[in-house]
PDB file of N, CA and C in Angstrom:
ATOM      1  N   MET A   1      14.817  -5.838  89.029  1.00  0.00           N
ATOM      2  CA  MET A   1      13.817  -6.810  89.383  1.00  0.00           C
ATOM      3  C   MET A   1      13.188  -6.467  90.724  1.00  0.00           C
ATOM      4  N   ALA A   2      13.881  -5.730  91.564  1.00  0.00           N
ATOM      5  CA  ALA A   2      13.353  -5.384  92.876  1.00  0.00           C
ATOM      6  C   ALA A   2      12.182  -4.422  92.773  1.00  0.00           C
ATOM      7  N   ASP A   3      11.963  -3.843  91.594  1.00  0.00           N
ATOM      8  CA  ASP A   3      10.881  -2.882  91.425  1.00  0.00           C
ATOM      9  C   ASP A   3       9.503  -3.534  91.405  1.00  0.00           C
ATOM     10  N   TRP A   4       9.430  -4.805  91.120  1.00  0.00           N
ATOM     11  CA  TRP A   4       8.130  -5.460  91.100  1.00  0.00           C
ATOM     12  C   TRP A   4       8.015  -6.349  92.318  1.00  0.00           C
ATOM     13  N   ASP A   5       6.809  -6.512  92.796  1.00  0.00           N
ATOM     14  CA  ASP A   5       6.621  -7.093  94.127  1.00  0.00           C
ATOM     15  C   ASP A   5       6.276  -8.580  94.121  1.00  0.00           C
ATOM     16  N   VAL A   6       6.918  -9.345  93.275  1.00  0.00           N
ATOM     17  CA  VAL A   6       6.720 -10.788  93.281  1.00  0.00           C
ATOM     18  C   VAL A   6       7.942 -11.405  93.922  1.00  0.00           C
ATOM     19  N   SER A   7       7.724 -12.169  94.962  1.00  0.00           N
ATOM     20  CA  SER A   7       8.858 -12.832  95.602  1.00  0.00           C
ATOM     21  C   SER A   7       9.119 -14.152  94.898  1.00  0.00           C
ATOM     22  N   PHE A   8      10.381 -14.477  94.733  1.00  0.00           N
ATOM     23  CA  PHE A   8      10.738 -15.730  94.081  1.00  0.00           C
ATOM     24  C   PHE A   8      10.443 -16.901  94.992  1.00  0.00           C
ATOM     25  N   GLU A   9       9.933 -17.949  94.412  1.00  0.00           N
ATOM     26  CA  GLU A   9       9.749 -19.189  95.142  1.00  0.00           C
ATOM     27  C   GLU A   9      11.090 -19.900  95.178  1.00  0.00           C
ATOM     28  N   ARG A  10      11.268 -20.757  96.125  1.00  0.00           N
ATOM     29  CA  ARG A  10      12.554 -21.426  96.328  1.00  0.00           C
ATOM     30  C   ARG A  10      13.046 -22.142  95.067  1.00  0.00           C
ATOM     31  N   ALA A  11      12.172 -22.833  94.352  1.00  0.00           N
ATOM     32  CA  ALA A  11      12.579 -23.590  93.173  1.00  0.00           C
ATOM     33  C   ALA A  11      12.979 -22.697  92.007  1.00  0.00           C
ATOM     34  N   VAL A  12      12.498 -21.478  91.979  1.00  0.00           N
ATOM     35  CA  VAL A  12      12.760 -20.574  90.864  1.00  0.00           C
ATOM     36  C   VAL A  12      14.152 -19.967  90.938  1.00  0.00           C
ATOM     37  N   VAL A  13      14.659 -19.757  92.113  1.00  0.00           N
ATOM     38  CA  VAL A  13      15.911 -19.018  92.290  1.00  0.00           C
ATOM     39  C   VAL A  13      17.041 -19.577  91.442  1.00  0.00           C
ATOM     40  N   GLY A  14      17.242 -20.874  91.414  1.00  0.00           N
ATOM     41  CA  GLY A  14      18.341 -21.450  90.657  1.00  0.00           C
ATOM     42  C   GLY A  14      18.058 -21.647  89.188  1.00  0.00           C
ATOM     43  N   SER A  15      16.810 -21.507  88.757  1.00  0.00           N
ATOM     44  CA  SER A  15      16.475 -21.805  87.372  1.00  0.00           C
ATOM     45  C   SER A  15      16.070 -20.583  86.551  1.00  0.00           C
ATOM     46  N   TRP A  16      15.910 -19.441  87.185  1.00  0.00           N
ATOM     47  CA  TRP A  16      15.538 -18.229  86.444  1.00  0.00           C
ATOM     48  C   TRP A  16      16.764 -17.749  85.669  1.00  0.00           C
ATOM     49  N   PRO A  17      16.652 -17.541  84.370  1.00  0.00           N
ATOM     50  CA  PRO A  17      17.823 -17.156  83.578  1.00  0.00           C
ATOM     51  C   PRO A  17      18.325 -15.751  83.929  1.00  0.00           C
ATOM     52  N   GLU A  18      19.603 -15.564  83.678  1.00  0.00           N
ATOM     53  CA  GLU A  18      20.219 -14.261  83.925  1.00  0.00           C
ATOM     54  C   GLU A  18      20.560 -13.591  82.609  1.00  0.00           C
ATOM     55  N   LYS A  19      20.525 -12.281  82.628  1.00  0.00           N
ATOM     56  CA  LYS A  19      20.900 -11.477  81.472  1.00  0.00           C
ATOM     57  C   LYS A  19      21.808 -10.374  81.984  1.00  0.00           C
ATOM     58  N   ASP A  20      23.013 -10.314  81.478  1.00  0.00           N
ATOM     59  CA  ASP A  20      24.002  -9.326  81.914  1.00  0.00           C
ATOM     60  C   ASP A  20      24.270  -9.411  83.411  1.00  0.00           C
ATOM     61  N   GLY A  21      24.312 -10.619  83.946  1.00  0.00           N
ATOM     62  CA  GLY A  21      24.649 -10.828  85.349  1.00  0.00           C
ATOM     63  C   GLY A  21      23.535 -10.591  86.342  1.00  0.00           C
ATOM     64  N   ALA A  22      22.343 -10.254  85.864  1.00  0.00           N
ATOM     65  CA  ALA A  22      21.193 -10.024  86.751  1.00  0.00           C
ATOM     66  C   ALA A  22      20.033 -10.890  86.275  1.00  0.00           C
ATOM     67  N   PRO A  23      19.109 -11.221  87.162  1.00  0.00           N
ATOM     68  CA  PRO A  23      17.953 -12.021  86.726  1.00  0.00           C
ATOM     69  C   PRO A  23      17.216 -11.334  85.577  1.00  0.00           C
ATOM     70  N   GLU A  24      16.835 -12.135  84.584  1.00  0.00           N
ATOM     71  CA  GLU A  24      16.122 -11.592  83.431  1.00  0.00           C
ATOM     72  C   GLU A  24      14.786 -10.997  83.870  1.00  0.00           C
ATOM     73  N   GLU A  25      14.384  -9.964  83.192  1.00  0.00           N
ATOM     74  CA  GLU A  25      13.124  -9.276  83.514  1.00  0.00           C
ATOM     75  C   GLU A  25      11.944 -10.234  83.326  1.00  0.00           C
ATOM     76  N   PRO A  26      11.005 -10.261  84.272  1.00  0.00           N
ATOM     77  CA  PRO A  26       9.817 -11.103  84.110  1.00  0.00           C
ATOM     78  C   PRO A  26       8.847 -10.471  83.121  1.00  0.00           C
ATOM     79  N   ALA A  27       8.119 -11.310  82.406  1.00  0.00           N
ATOM     80  CA  ALA A  27       7.121 -10.840  81.448  1.00  0.00           C
ATOM     81  C   ALA A  27       5.775 -11.482  81.790  1.00  0.00           C
ATOM     82  N   PHE A  28       4.728 -10.690  81.719  1.00  0.00           N
ATOM     83  CA  PHE A  28       3.384 -11.170  82.020  1.00  0.00           C
ATOM     84  C   PHE A  28       2.943 -12.161  80.945  1.00  0.00           C
ATOM     85  N   LEU A  29       2.554 -13.351  81.368  1.00  0.00           N
ATOM     86  CA  LEU A  29       2.064 -14.370  80.446  1.00  0.00           C
ATOM     87  C   LEU A  29       0.542 -14.323  80.361  1.00  0.00           C
ATOM     88  N   GLU A  30      -0.116 -14.456  81.519  1.00  0.00           N
ATOM     89  CA  GLU A  30      -1.579 -14.386  81.535  1.00  0.00           C
ATOM     90  C   GLU A  30      -2.107 -14.362  82.964  1.00  0.00           C
ATOM     91  N   HIS A  31      -3.387 -14.020  83.068  1.00  0.00           N
ATOM     92  CA  HIS A  31      -4.088 -14.064  84.357  1.00  0.00           C
ATOM     93  C   HIS A  31      -4.945 -15.315  84.359  1.00  0.00           C
ATOM     94  N   ILE A  32      -4.823 -16.112  85.404  1.00  0.00           N
ATOM     95  CA  ILE A  32      -5.641 -17.315  85.542  1.00  0.00           C
ATOM     96  C   ILE A  32      -6.630 -17.080  86.666  1.00  0.00           C
ATOM     97  N   ALA A  33      -7.905 -17.034  86.309  1.00  0.00           N
ATOM     98  CA  ALA A  33      -8.941 -16.736  87.292  1.00  0.00           C
ATOM     99  C   ALA A  33      -9.641 -17.994  87.786  1.00  0.00           C
ATOM    100  N   GLY A  34      -9.236 -19.139  87.278  1.00  0.00           N
ATOM    101  CA  GLY A  34      -9.889 -20.383  87.663  1.00  0.00           C
ATOM    102  C   GLY A  34      -9.401 -20.908  88.995  1.00  0.00           C
ATOM    103  N   SER A  35      -9.447 -22.193  89.111  1.00  0.00           N
ATOM    104  CA  SER A  35      -9.085 -22.852  90.369  1.00  0.00           C
ATOM    105  C   SER A  35      -7.573 -22.956  90.526  1.00  0.00           C
ATOM    106  N   ARG A  36      -7.159 -23.318  91.721  1.00  0.00           N
ATOM    107  CA  ARG A  36      -5.744 -23.538  92.003  1.00  0.00           C
ATOM    108  C   ARG A  36      -5.206 -24.671  91.134  1.00  0.00           C
ATOM    109  N   MET A  37      -6.041 -25.659  90.856  1.00  0.00           N
ATOM    110  CA  MET A  37      -5.609 -26.788  90.035  1.00  0.00           C
ATOM    111  C   MET A  37      -5.254 -26.323  88.618  1.00  0.00           C
ATOM    112  N   GLU A  38      -6.034 -25.425  88.063  1.00  0.00           N
ATOM    113  CA  GLU A  38      -5.747 -24.897  86.727  1.00  0.00           C
ATOM    114  C   GLU A  38      -4.402 -24.167  86.714  1.00  0.00           C
ATOM    115  N   LEU A  39      -4.157 -23.372  87.730  1.00  0.00           N
ATOM    116  CA  LEU A  39      -2.892 -22.657  87.859  1.00  0.00           C
ATOM    117  C   LEU A  39      -1.728 -23.634  87.987  1.00  0.00           C
ATOM    118  N   ASP A  40      -1.869 -24.619  88.850  1.00  0.00           N
ATOM    119  CA  ASP A  40      -0.800 -25.601  89.061  1.00  0.00           C
ATOM    120  C   ASP A  40      -0.523 -26.426  87.810  1.00  0.00           C
ATOM    121  N   MET A  41      -1.570 -26.786  87.069  1.00  0.00           N
ATOM    122  CA  MET A  41      -1.380 -27.567  85.845  1.00  0.00           C
ATOM    123  C   MET A  41      -0.608 -26.765  84.798  1.00  0.00           C
ATOM    124  N   GLU A  42      -0.958 -25.506  84.637  1.00  0.00           N
ATOM    125  CA  GLU A  42      -0.255 -24.685  83.648  1.00  0.00           C
ATOM    126  C   GLU A  42       1.201 -24.463  84.040  1.00  0.00           C
ATOM    127  N   ARG A  43       1.423 -24.163  85.303  1.00  0.00           N
ATOM    128  CA  ARG A  43       2.798 -23.950  85.758  1.00  0.00           C
ATOM    129  C   ARG A  43       3.614 -25.227  85.630  1.00  0.00           C
ATOM    130  N   SER A  44       3.031 -26.369  85.933  1.00  0.00           N
ATOM    131  CA  SER A  44       3.735 -27.642  85.807  1.00  0.00           C
ATOM    132  C   SER A  44       4.092 -27.935  84.354  1.00  0.00           C
ATOM    133  N   MET A  45       3.175 -27.623  83.449  1.00  0.00           N
ATOM    134  CA  MET A  45       3.453 -27.851  82.040  1.00  0.00           C
ATOM    135  C   MET A  45       4.621 -26.976  81.578  1.00  0.00           C
ATOM    136  N   LEU A  46       4.634 -25.718  81.977  1.00  0.00           N
ATOM    137  CA  LEU A  46       5.732 -24.828  81.595  1.00  0.00           C
ATOM    138  C   LEU A  46       7.053 -25.304  82.195  1.00  0.00           C
ATOM    139  N   TRP A  47       7.021 -25.705  83.472  1.00  0.00           N
ATOM    140  CA  TRP A  47       8.232 -26.215  84.124  1.00  0.00           C
ATOM    141  C   TRP A  47       8.752 -27.463  83.413  1.00  0.00           C
ATOM    142  N   ALA A  48       7.858 -28.308  82.914  1.00  0.00           N
ATOM    143  CA  ALA A  48       8.267 -29.524  82.211  1.00  0.00           C
ATOM    144  C   ALA A  48       9.073 -29.200  80.957  1.00  0.00           C
ATOM    145  N   TYR A  49       8.825 -28.039  80.377  1.00  0.00           N
ATOM    146  CA  TYR A  49       9.566 -27.601  79.196  1.00  0.00           C
ATOM    147  C   TYR A  49      10.692 -26.631  79.553  1.00  0.00           C
ATOM    148  N   GLY A  50      11.027 -26.552  80.816  1.00  0.00           N
ATOM    149  CA  GLY A  50      12.167 -25.743  81.233  1.00  0.00           C
ATOM    150  C   GLY A  50      11.891 -24.258  81.373  1.00  0.00           C
ATOM    151  N   ILE A  51      10.630 -23.870  81.493  1.00  0.00           N
ATOM    152  CA  ILE A  51      10.282 -22.462  81.634  1.00  0.00           C
ATOM    153  C   ILE A  51       9.833 -22.200  83.069  1.00  0.00           C
ATOM    154  N   PRO A  52      10.656 -21.484  83.851  1.00  0.00           N
ATOM    155  CA  PRO A  52      10.265 -21.190  85.229  1.00  0.00           C
ATOM    156  C   PRO A  52       9.156 -20.135  85.264  1.00  0.00           C
ATOM    157  N   THR A  53       8.357 -20.182  86.295  1.00  0.00           N
ATOM    158  CA  THR A  53       7.257 -19.230  86.452  1.00  0.00           C
ATOM    159  C   THR A  53       7.239 -18.662  87.867  1.00  0.00           C
ATOM    160  N   VAL A  54       6.700 -17.474  87.980  1.00  0.00           N
ATOM    161  CA  VAL A  54       6.376 -16.906  89.281  1.00  0.00           C
ATOM    162  C   VAL A  54       4.960 -16.350  89.178  1.00  0.00           C
ATOM    163  N   CYS A  55       4.290 -16.278  90.310  1.00  0.00           N
ATOM    164  CA  CYS A  55       2.909 -15.783  90.331  1.00  0.00           C
ATOM    165  C   CYS A  55       2.788 -14.547  91.200  1.00  0.00           C
ATOM    166  N   ARG A  56       1.833 -13.759  90.851  1.00  0.00           N
ATOM    167  CA  ARG A  56       1.470 -12.577  91.628  1.00  0.00           C
ATOM    168  C   ARG A  56      -0.038 -12.652  91.815  1.00  0.00           C
ATOM    169  N   TYR A  57      -0.479 -12.386  93.023  1.00  0.00           N
ATOM    170  CA  TYR A  57      -1.903 -12.462  93.338  1.00  0.00           C
ATOM    171  C   TYR A  57      -2.418 -11.032  93.508  1.00  0.00           C
ATOM    172  N   PRO A  58      -2.868 -10.406  92.409  1.00  0.00           N
ATOM    173  CA  PRO A  58      -3.158  -8.974  92.428  1.00  0.00           C
ATOM    174  C   PRO A  58      -4.363  -8.550  93.260  1.00  0.00           C
ATOM    175  N   ASN A  59      -5.378  -9.389  93.385  1.00  0.00           N
ATOM    176  CA  ASN A  59      -6.586  -8.969  94.094  1.00  0.00           C
ATOM    177  C   ASN A  59      -6.529  -9.250  95.585  1.00  0.00           C
ATOM    178  N   ASP A  60      -6.244 -10.488  95.942  1.00  0.00           N
ATOM    179  CA  ASP A  60      -6.220 -10.883  97.344  1.00  0.00           C
ATOM    180  C   ASP A  60      -4.835 -10.792  97.950  1.00  0.00           C
ATOM    181  N   GLY A  61      -3.837 -10.683  97.103  1.00  0.00           N
ATOM    182  CA  GLY A  61      -2.469 -10.707  97.586  1.00  0.00           C
ATOM    183  C   GLY A  61      -2.132 -12.081  98.135  1.00  0.00           C
ATOM    184  N   GLU A  62      -0.979 -12.195  98.713  1.00  0.00           N
ATOM    185  CA  GLU A  62      -0.558 -13.465  99.301  1.00  0.00           C
ATOM    186  C   GLU A  62      -1.470 -13.858 100.466  1.00  0.00           C
ATOM    187  N   PHE A  63      -2.126 -12.890 101.103  1.00  0.00           N
ATOM    188  CA  PHE A  63      -2.976 -13.178 102.252  1.00  0.00           C
ATOM    189  C   PHE A  63      -4.072 -14.171 101.896  1.00  0.00           C
ATOM    190  N   GLY A  64      -4.783 -13.921 100.781  1.00  0.00           N
ATOM    191  CA  GLY A  64      -5.851 -14.830 100.361  1.00  0.00           C
ATOM    192  C   GLY A  64      -5.319 -16.203 100.031  1.00  0.00           C
ATOM    193  N   ASN A  65      -4.156 -16.239  99.416  1.00  0.00           N
ATOM    194  CA  ASN A  65      -3.543 -17.510  99.053  1.00  0.00           C
ATOM    195  C   ASN A  65      -3.160 -18.309 100.298  1.00  0.00           C
ATOM    196  N   VAL A  66      -2.643 -17.639 101.304  1.00  0.00           N
ATOM    197  CA  VAL A  66      -2.216 -18.313 102.528  1.00  0.00           C
ATOM    198  C   VAL A  66      -3.407 -18.723 103.392  1.00  0.00           C
ATOM    199  N   MET A  67      -4.365 -17.840 103.581  1.00  0.00           N
ATOM    200  CA  MET A  67      -5.476 -18.100 104.491  1.00  0.00           C
ATOM    201  C   MET A  67      -6.468 -19.135 103.959  1.00  0.00           C
ATOM    202  N   VAL A  68      -6.767 -19.073 102.683  1.00  0.00           N
ATOM    203  CA  VAL A  68      -7.792 -19.943 102.114  1.00  0.00           C
ATOM    204  C   VAL A  68      -7.179 -21.114 101.342  1.00  0.00           C
ATOM    205  N   GLY A  69      -5.931 -20.984 100.947  1.00  0.00           N
ATOM    206  CA  GLY A  69      -5.278 -22.031 100.171  1.00  0.00           C
ATOM    207  C   GLY A  69      -5.237 -21.722  98.685  1.00  0.00           C
ATOM    208  N   PHE A  70      -5.993 -20.734  98.271  1.00  0.00           N
ATOM    209  CA  PHE A  70      -5.933 -20.269  96.886  1.00  0.00           C
ATOM    210  C   PHE A  70      -6.400 -18.820  96.871  1.00  0.00           C
ATOM    211  N   ALA A  71      -6.012 -18.122  95.814  1.00  0.00           N
ATOM    212  CA  ALA A  71      -6.413 -16.719  95.688  1.00  0.00           C
ATOM    213  C   ALA A  71      -7.711 -16.659  94.895  1.00  0.00           C
ATOM    214  N   GLY A  72      -8.768 -16.235  95.524  1.00  0.00           N
ATOM    215  CA  GLY A  72     -10.073 -16.171  94.875  1.00  0.00           C
ATOM    216  C   GLY A  72     -10.107 -15.254  93.672  1.00  0.00           C
ATOM    217  N   GLY A  73      -9.235 -14.248  93.658  1.00  0.00           N
ATOM    218  CA  GLY A  73      -9.182 -13.311  92.537  1.00  0.00           C
ATOM    219  C   GLY A  73      -8.263 -13.760  91.425  1.00  0.00           C
ATOM    220  N   GLY A  74      -7.712 -14.953  91.534  1.00  0.00           N
ATOM    221  CA  GLY A  74      -6.842 -15.467  90.497  1.00  0.00           C
ATOM    222  C   GLY A  74      -5.397 -15.061  90.693  1.00  0.00           C
ATOM    223  N   ALA A  75      -4.589 -15.398  89.708  1.00  0.00           N
ATOM    224  CA  ALA A  75      -3.157 -15.127  89.790  1.00  0.00           C
ATOM    225  C   ALA A  75      -2.633 -14.693  88.430  1.00  0.00           C
ATOM    226  N   ASP A  76      -1.673 -13.776  88.457  1.00  0.00           N
ATOM    227  CA  ASP A  76      -0.949 -13.389  87.251  1.00  0.00           C
ATOM    228  C   ASP A  76       0.286 -14.272  87.168  1.00  0.00           C
ATOM    229  N   VAL A  77       0.526 -14.843  85.994  1.00  0.00           N
ATOM    230  CA  VAL A  77       1.672 -15.722  85.789  1.00  0.00           C
ATOM    231  C   VAL A  77       2.720 -14.972  84.974  1.00  0.00           C
ATOM    232  N   PHE A  78       3.960 -15.017  85.469  1.00  0.00           N
ATOM    233  CA  PHE A  78       5.078 -14.362  84.794  1.00  0.00           C
ATOM    234  C   PHE A  78       6.128 -15.407  84.434  1.00  0.00           C
ATOM    235  N   VAL A  79       6.796 -15.185  83.305  1.00  0.00           N
ATOM    236  CA  VAL A  79       7.905 -16.029  82.852  1.00  0.00           C
ATOM    237  C   VAL A  79       9.060 -15.107  82.478  1.00  0.00           C
ATOM    238  N   PRO A  80      10.273 -15.648  82.322  1.00  0.00           N
ATOM    239  CA  PRO A  80      11.378 -14.806  81.864  1.00  0.00           C
ATOM    240  C   PRO A  80      11.041 -14.211  80.489  1.00  0.00           C
ATOM    241  N   ALA A  81      11.382 -12.947  80.282  1.00  0.00           N
ATOM    242  CA  ALA A  81      11.020 -12.252  79.042  1.00  0.00           C
ATOM    243  C   ALA A  81      11.516 -12.984  77.801  1.00  0.00           C
ATOM    244  N   GLY A  82      12.701 -13.574  77.856  1.00  0.00           N
ATOM    245  CA  GLY A  82      13.243 -14.281  76.710  1.00  0.00           C
ATOM    246  C   GLY A  82      12.532 -15.587  76.395  1.00  0.00           C
ATOM    247  N   MET A  83      11.681 -16.057  77.297  1.00  0.00           N
ATOM    248  CA  MET A  83      10.957 -17.313  77.098  1.00  0.00           C
ATOM    249  C   MET A  83       9.460 -17.088  76.882  1.00  0.00           C
ATOM    250  N   LEU A  84       9.054 -15.836  76.784  1.00  0.00           N
ATOM    251  CA  LEU A  84       7.634 -15.512  76.690  1.00  0.00           C
ATOM    252  C   LEU A  84       6.977 -16.122  75.454  1.00  0.00           C
ATOM    253  N   GLU A  85       7.610 -16.000  74.297  1.00  0.00           N
ATOM    254  CA  GLU A  85       7.016 -16.542  73.074  1.00  0.00           C
ATOM    255  C   GLU A  85       6.870 -18.060  73.159  1.00  0.00           C
ATOM    256  N   ASP A  86       7.904 -18.738  73.668  1.00  0.00           N
ATOM    257  CA  ASP A  86       7.816 -20.190  73.828  1.00  0.00           C
ATOM    258  C   ASP A  86       6.693 -20.567  74.791  1.00  0.00           C
ATOM    259  N   ALA A  87       6.580 -19.831  75.895  1.00  0.00           N
ATOM    260  CA  ALA A  87       5.527 -20.119  76.879  1.00  0.00           C
ATOM    261  C   ALA A  87       4.144 -19.944  76.258  1.00  0.00           C
ATOM    262  N   ARG A  88       3.961 -18.892  75.480  1.00  0.00           N
ATOM    263  CA  ARG A  88       2.664 -18.679  74.818  1.00  0.00           C
ATOM    264  C   ARG A  88       2.341 -19.813  73.850  1.00  0.00           C
ATOM    265  N   ASN A  89       3.357 -20.257  73.099  1.00  0.00           N
ATOM    266  CA  ASN A  89       3.137 -21.359  72.163  1.00  0.00           C
ATOM    267  C   ASN A  89       2.796 -22.658  72.890  1.00  0.00           C
ATOM    268  N   ILE A  90       3.452 -22.896  74.010  1.00  0.00           N
ATOM    269  CA  ILE A  90       3.199 -24.120  74.767  1.00  0.00           C
ATOM    270  C   ILE A  90       1.779 -24.142  75.321  1.00  0.00           C
ATOM    271  N   ILE A  91       1.346 -23.057  75.954  1.00  0.00           N
ATOM    272  CA  ILE A  91       0.015 -23.085  76.565  1.00  0.00           C
ATOM    273  C   ILE A  91      -1.103 -23.001  75.528  1.00  0.00           C
ATOM    274  N   SER A  92      -0.788 -22.509  74.321  1.00  0.00           N
ATOM    275  CA  SER A  92      -1.826 -22.468  73.283  1.00  0.00           C
ATOM    276  C   SER A  92      -1.798 -23.725  72.414  1.00  0.00           C
ATOM    277  N   CYS A  93      -0.807 -24.599  72.655  1.00  0.00           N
ATOM    278  CA  CYS A  93      -0.669 -25.868  71.928  1.00  0.00           C
ATOM    279  C   CYS A  93      -0.428 -25.655  70.439  1.00  0.00           C
ATOM    280  N   ASP A  94       0.242 -24.566  70.063  1.00  0.00           N
ATOM    281  CA  ASP A  94       0.527 -24.294  68.655  1.00  0.00           C
ATOM    282  C   ASP A  94       1.754 -25.045  68.139  1.00  0.00           C
ATOM    283  N   LEU A  95       2.562 -25.601  69.024  1.00  0.00           N
ATOM    284  CA  LEU A  95       3.766 -26.314  68.615  1.00  0.00           C
ATOM    285  C   LEU A  95       3.682 -27.779  69.016  1.00  0.00           C
ATOM    286  N   SER A  96       4.316 -28.623  68.234  1.00  0.00           N
ATOM    287  CA  SER A  96       4.404 -30.033  68.599  1.00  0.00           C
ATOM    288  C   SER A  96       5.500 -30.197  69.642  1.00  0.00           C
ATOM    289  N   ASP A  97       5.515 -31.328  70.332  1.00  0.00           N
ATOM    290  CA  ASP A  97       6.559 -31.592  71.320  1.00  0.00           C
ATOM    291  C   ASP A  97       7.946 -31.515  70.688  1.00  0.00           C
ATOM    292  N   GLU A  98       8.079 -32.024  69.449  1.00  0.00           N
ATOM    293  CA  GLU A  98       9.380 -32.005  68.770  1.00  0.00           C
ATOM    294  C   GLU A  98       9.835 -30.573  68.488  1.00  0.00           C
ATOM    295  N   GLU A  99       8.912 -29.709  68.044  1.00  0.00           N
ATOM    296  CA  GLU A  99       9.267 -28.313  67.780  1.00  0.00           C
ATOM    297  C   GLU A  99       9.688 -27.604  69.069  1.00  0.00           C
ATOM    298  N   ILE A 100       8.982 -27.873  70.139  1.00  0.00           N
ATOM    299  CA  ILE A 100       9.314 -27.259  71.419  1.00  0.00           C
ATOM    300  C   ILE A 100      10.688 -27.724  71.877  1.00  0.00           C
ATOM    301  N   TYR A 101      10.928 -29.032  71.811  1.00  0.00           N
ATOM    302  CA  TYR A 101      12.209 -29.590  72.253  1.00  0.00           C
ATOM    303  C   TYR A 101      13.364 -29.020  71.445  1.00  0.00           C
ATOM    304  N   ASN A 102      13.188 -28.885  70.134  1.00  0.00           N
ATOM    305  CA  ASN A 102      14.258 -28.369  69.281  1.00  0.00           C
ATOM    306  C   ASN A 102      14.544 -26.895  69.537  1.00  0.00           C
ATOM    307  N   ASN A 103      13.589 -26.144  70.077  1.00  0.00           N
ATOM    308  CA  ASN A 103      13.782 -24.722  70.336  1.00  0.00           C
ATOM    309  C   ASN A 103      14.250 -24.409  71.743  1.00  0.00           C
ATOM    310  N   MET A 104      14.239 -25.383  72.627  1.00  0.00           N
ATOM    311  CA  MET A 104      14.619 -25.149  74.021  1.00  0.00           C
ATOM    312  C   MET A 104      16.106 -25.368  74.205  1.00  0.00           C
ATOM    313  N   ASN A 105      16.657 -24.699  75.193  1.00  0.00           N
ATOM    314  CA  ASN A 105      18.073 -24.853  75.547  1.00  0.00           C
ATOM    315  C   ASN A 105      18.163 -25.697  76.795  1.00  0.00           C
ATOM    316  N   PHE A 106      18.129 -27.008  76.644  1.00  0.00           N
ATOM    317  CA  PHE A 106      18.196 -27.890  77.792  1.00  0.00           C
ATOM    318  C   PHE A 106      19.636 -28.043  78.241  1.00  0.00           C
ATOM    319  N   LYS A 107      19.847 -28.063  79.525  1.00  0.00           N
ATOM    320  CA  LYS A 107      21.176 -28.262  80.094  1.00  0.00           C
ATOM    321  C   LYS A 107      21.366 -29.739  80.392  1.00  0.00           C
ATOM    322  N   GLU A 108      22.468 -30.261  79.969  1.00  0.00           N
ATOM    323  CA  GLU A 108      22.796 -31.651  80.272  1.00  0.00           C
ATOM    324  C   GLU A 108      23.384 -31.719  81.662  1.00  0.00           C
ATOM    325  N   ASP A 109      22.855 -32.589  82.506  1.00  0.00           N
ATOM    326  CA  ASP A 109      23.376 -32.726  83.868  1.00  0.00           C
ATOM    327  C   ASP A 109      24.488 -33.726  83.933  1.00  0.00           C
TER     328      ASP A 109
END
């Protein structure tokens, strides 16, 4: 995982799944070129279904995100590789809430 240059956000560290004792490989979900609100809404929806996300800002880097408050060139969204199909179904609205819930591995607290 150290080979790719996306730093984990604080909330992701405890929720990113592990495979063979190491964090699961991230998989590219999509590039969001719209506003920060569009990015936040999509990430929030995925988090609501238990899918953690990390972002990479390929054009402006973190500098644009920090200085202006959003990356003008958009952001690449990554999810754990084992959750990629579920994430695609969720953002494309191809599954009902019941189908999504039945396919997710929710942890009981």
